[in-house]
Amino acid sequence: MITKSETKTLILSFADNAGKKVNYTLQRPKADLDKESVDKAVADILNAKVFATETGDLSSLQESRIVTRKVETFA
């Protein structure tokens, strides 16, 4: 018997004021998520200064991506 599962993860890669890369990973993003809604949420995060690193506030989005992972388990 084979059990299949699939998970999706939204990965947001930011740069802070010193240029250091910082990743935030969100499990199970909405199925209808699009670039426009991600860009708006990211702008809100950056403007509100929600997250900071040892070297300062997040300053820009470097990349956003959805990663799909498929697993087949043999039982």
C-alpha atoms as a PDB file:
ATOM      1  CA  MET A   1       0.000   0.000   0.000  1.00  0.00           C
ATOM      2  CA  ILE A   2       1.269   3.473  -0.914  1.00  0.00           C
ATOM      3  CA  THR A   3       0.175   6.567   0.984  1.00  0.00           C
ATOM      4  CA  LYS A   4       0.614   9.875  -0.841  1.00  0.00           C
ATOM      5  CA  SER A   5       0.742  13.320   0.697  1.00  0.00           C
ATOM      6  CA  GLU A   6       1.437  16.788  -0.606  1.00  0.00           C
ATOM      7  CA  THR A   7       2.319  19.918   1.340  1.00  0.00           C
ATOM      8  CA  LYS A   8       2.808  23.492   0.198  1.00  0.00           C
ATOM      9  CA  THR A   9       4.965  26.104   1.860  1.00  0.00           C
ATOM     10  CA  LEU A  10       5.259  29.825   1.149  1.00  0.00           C
ATOM     11  CA  ILE A  11       8.829  31.053   1.583  1.00  0.00           C
ATOM     12  CA  LEU A  12       9.478  34.785   1.854  1.00  0.00           C
ATOM     13  CA  SER A  13      13.128  35.827   1.530  1.00  0.00           C
ATOM     14  CA  PHE A  14      13.898  39.314   2.833  1.00  0.00           C
ATOM     15  CA  ALA A  15      17.039  41.424   3.155  1.00  0.00           C
ATOM     16  CA  ASP A  16      17.652  43.472   6.285  1.00  0.00           C
ATOM     17  CA  ASN A  17      19.336  46.884   6.508  1.00  0.00           C
ATOM     18  CA  ALA A  18      22.781  45.238   6.443  1.00  0.00           C
ATOM     19  CA  GLY A  19      21.923  43.147   3.361  1.00  0.00           C
ATOM     20  CA  LYS A  20      21.627  39.912   5.349  1.00  0.00           C
ATOM     21  CA  LYS A  21      19.141  37.395   3.908  1.00  0.00           C
ATOM     22  CA  VAL A  22      16.306  36.275   6.194  1.00  0.00           C
ATOM     23  CA  ASN A  23      13.731  33.588   5.316  1.00  0.00           C
ATOM     24  CA  TYR A  24      10.254  33.216   6.772  1.00  0.00           C
ATOM     25  CA  THR A  25       8.375  29.994   6.020  1.00  0.00           C
ATOM     26  CA  LEU A  26       4.586  29.746   6.190  1.00  0.00           C
ATOM     27  CA  GLN A  27       2.931  26.332   6.127  1.00  0.00           C
ATOM     28  CA  ARG A  28      -0.218  25.652   4.080  1.00  0.00           C
ATOM     29  CA  PRO A  29      -0.671  28.970   2.236  1.00  0.00           C
ATOM     30  CA  LYS A  30      -4.086  29.725   0.751  1.00  0.00           C
ATOM     31  CA  ALA A  31      -4.774  27.843  -2.471  1.00  0.00           C
ATOM     32  CA  ASP A  32      -5.749  31.031  -4.342  1.00  0.00           C
ATOM     33  CA  LEU A  33      -2.649  32.991  -3.321  1.00  0.00           C
ATOM     34  CA  ASP A  34      -1.228  35.172  -6.098  1.00  0.00           C
ATOM     35  CA  LYS A  35       1.706  37.553  -6.554  1.00  0.00           C
ATOM     36  CA  GLU A  36      -0.415  40.658  -5.994  1.00  0.00           C
ATOM     37  CA  SER A  37      -1.700  39.517  -2.595  1.00  0.00           C
ATOM     38  CA  VAL A  38       1.786  38.377  -1.508  1.00  0.00           C
ATOM     39  CA  ASP A  39       3.299  41.715  -2.567  1.00  0.00           C
ATOM     40  CA  LYS A  40       0.644  43.639  -0.604  1.00  0.00           C
ATOM     41  CA  ALA A  41       1.180  41.541   2.527  1.00  0.00           C
ATOM     42  CA  VAL A  42       4.957  41.962   2.228  1.00  0.00           C
ATOM     43  CA  ALA A  43       4.581  45.745   1.868  1.00  0.00           C
ATOM     44  CA  ASP A  44       2.436  45.794   5.025  1.00  0.00           C
ATOM     45  CA  ILE A  45       5.054  43.725   6.893  1.00  0.00           C
ATOM     46  CA  LEU A  46       7.900  46.005   5.798  1.00  0.00           C
ATOM     47  CA  ASN A  47       5.985  49.230   6.577  1.00  0.00           C
ATOM     48  CA  ALA A  48       4.897  48.000  10.016  1.00  0.00           C
ATOM     49  CA  LYS A  49       8.445  46.843  10.837  1.00  0.00           C
ATOM     50  CA  VAL A  50       6.990  43.618  12.236  1.00  0.00           C
ATOM     51  CA  PHE A  51      10.281  41.687  12.109  1.00  0.00           C
ATOM     52  CA  ALA A  52      13.861  42.714  12.775  1.00  0.00           C
ATOM     53  CA  THR A  53      17.229  40.976  12.870  1.00  0.00           C
ATOM     54  CA  GLU A  54      20.352  41.553  14.936  1.00  0.00           C
ATOM     55  CA  THR A  55      21.528  43.981  12.257  1.00  0.00           C
ATOM     56  CA  GLY A  56      18.293  45.920  11.780  1.00  0.00           C
ATOM     57  CA  ASP A  57      14.832  45.997  10.278  1.00  0.00           C
ATOM     58  CA  LEU A  58      13.853  44.113   7.151  1.00  0.00           C
ATOM     59  CA  SER A  59      14.273  46.441   4.187  1.00  0.00           C
ATOM     60  CA  SER A  60      13.178  44.576   1.052  1.00  0.00           C
ATOM     61  CA  LEU A  61      11.750  41.377  -0.356  1.00  0.00           C
ATOM     62  CA  GLN A  62      14.345  39.359  -2.256  1.00  0.00           C
ATOM     63  CA  GLU A  63      12.106  36.499  -3.383  1.00  0.00           C
ATOM     64  CA  SER A  64       8.773  34.835  -2.685  1.00  0.00           C
ATOM     65  CA  ARG A  65       8.006  31.284  -3.732  1.00  0.00           C
ATOM     66  CA  ILE A  66       5.659  28.405  -3.068  1.00  0.00           C
ATOM     67  CA  VAL A  67       7.356  25.042  -2.633  1.00  0.00           C
ATOM     68  CA  THR A  68       5.307  21.882  -3.174  1.00  0.00           C
ATOM     69  CA  ARG A  69       6.531  18.677  -1.551  1.00  0.00           C
ATOM     70  CA  LYS A  70       5.101  15.316  -2.569  1.00  0.00           C
ATOM     71  CA  VAL A  71       5.769  12.229  -0.461  1.00  0.00           C
ATOM     72  CA  GLU A  72       4.929   8.601  -1.247  1.00  0.00           C
ATOM     73  CA  THR A  73       5.159   6.308   1.758  1.00  0.00           C
ATOM     74  CA  PHE A  74       5.348   2.555   1.298  1.00  0.00           C
ATOM     75  CA  ALA A  75       3.539   0.839   4.150  1.00  0.00           C
END
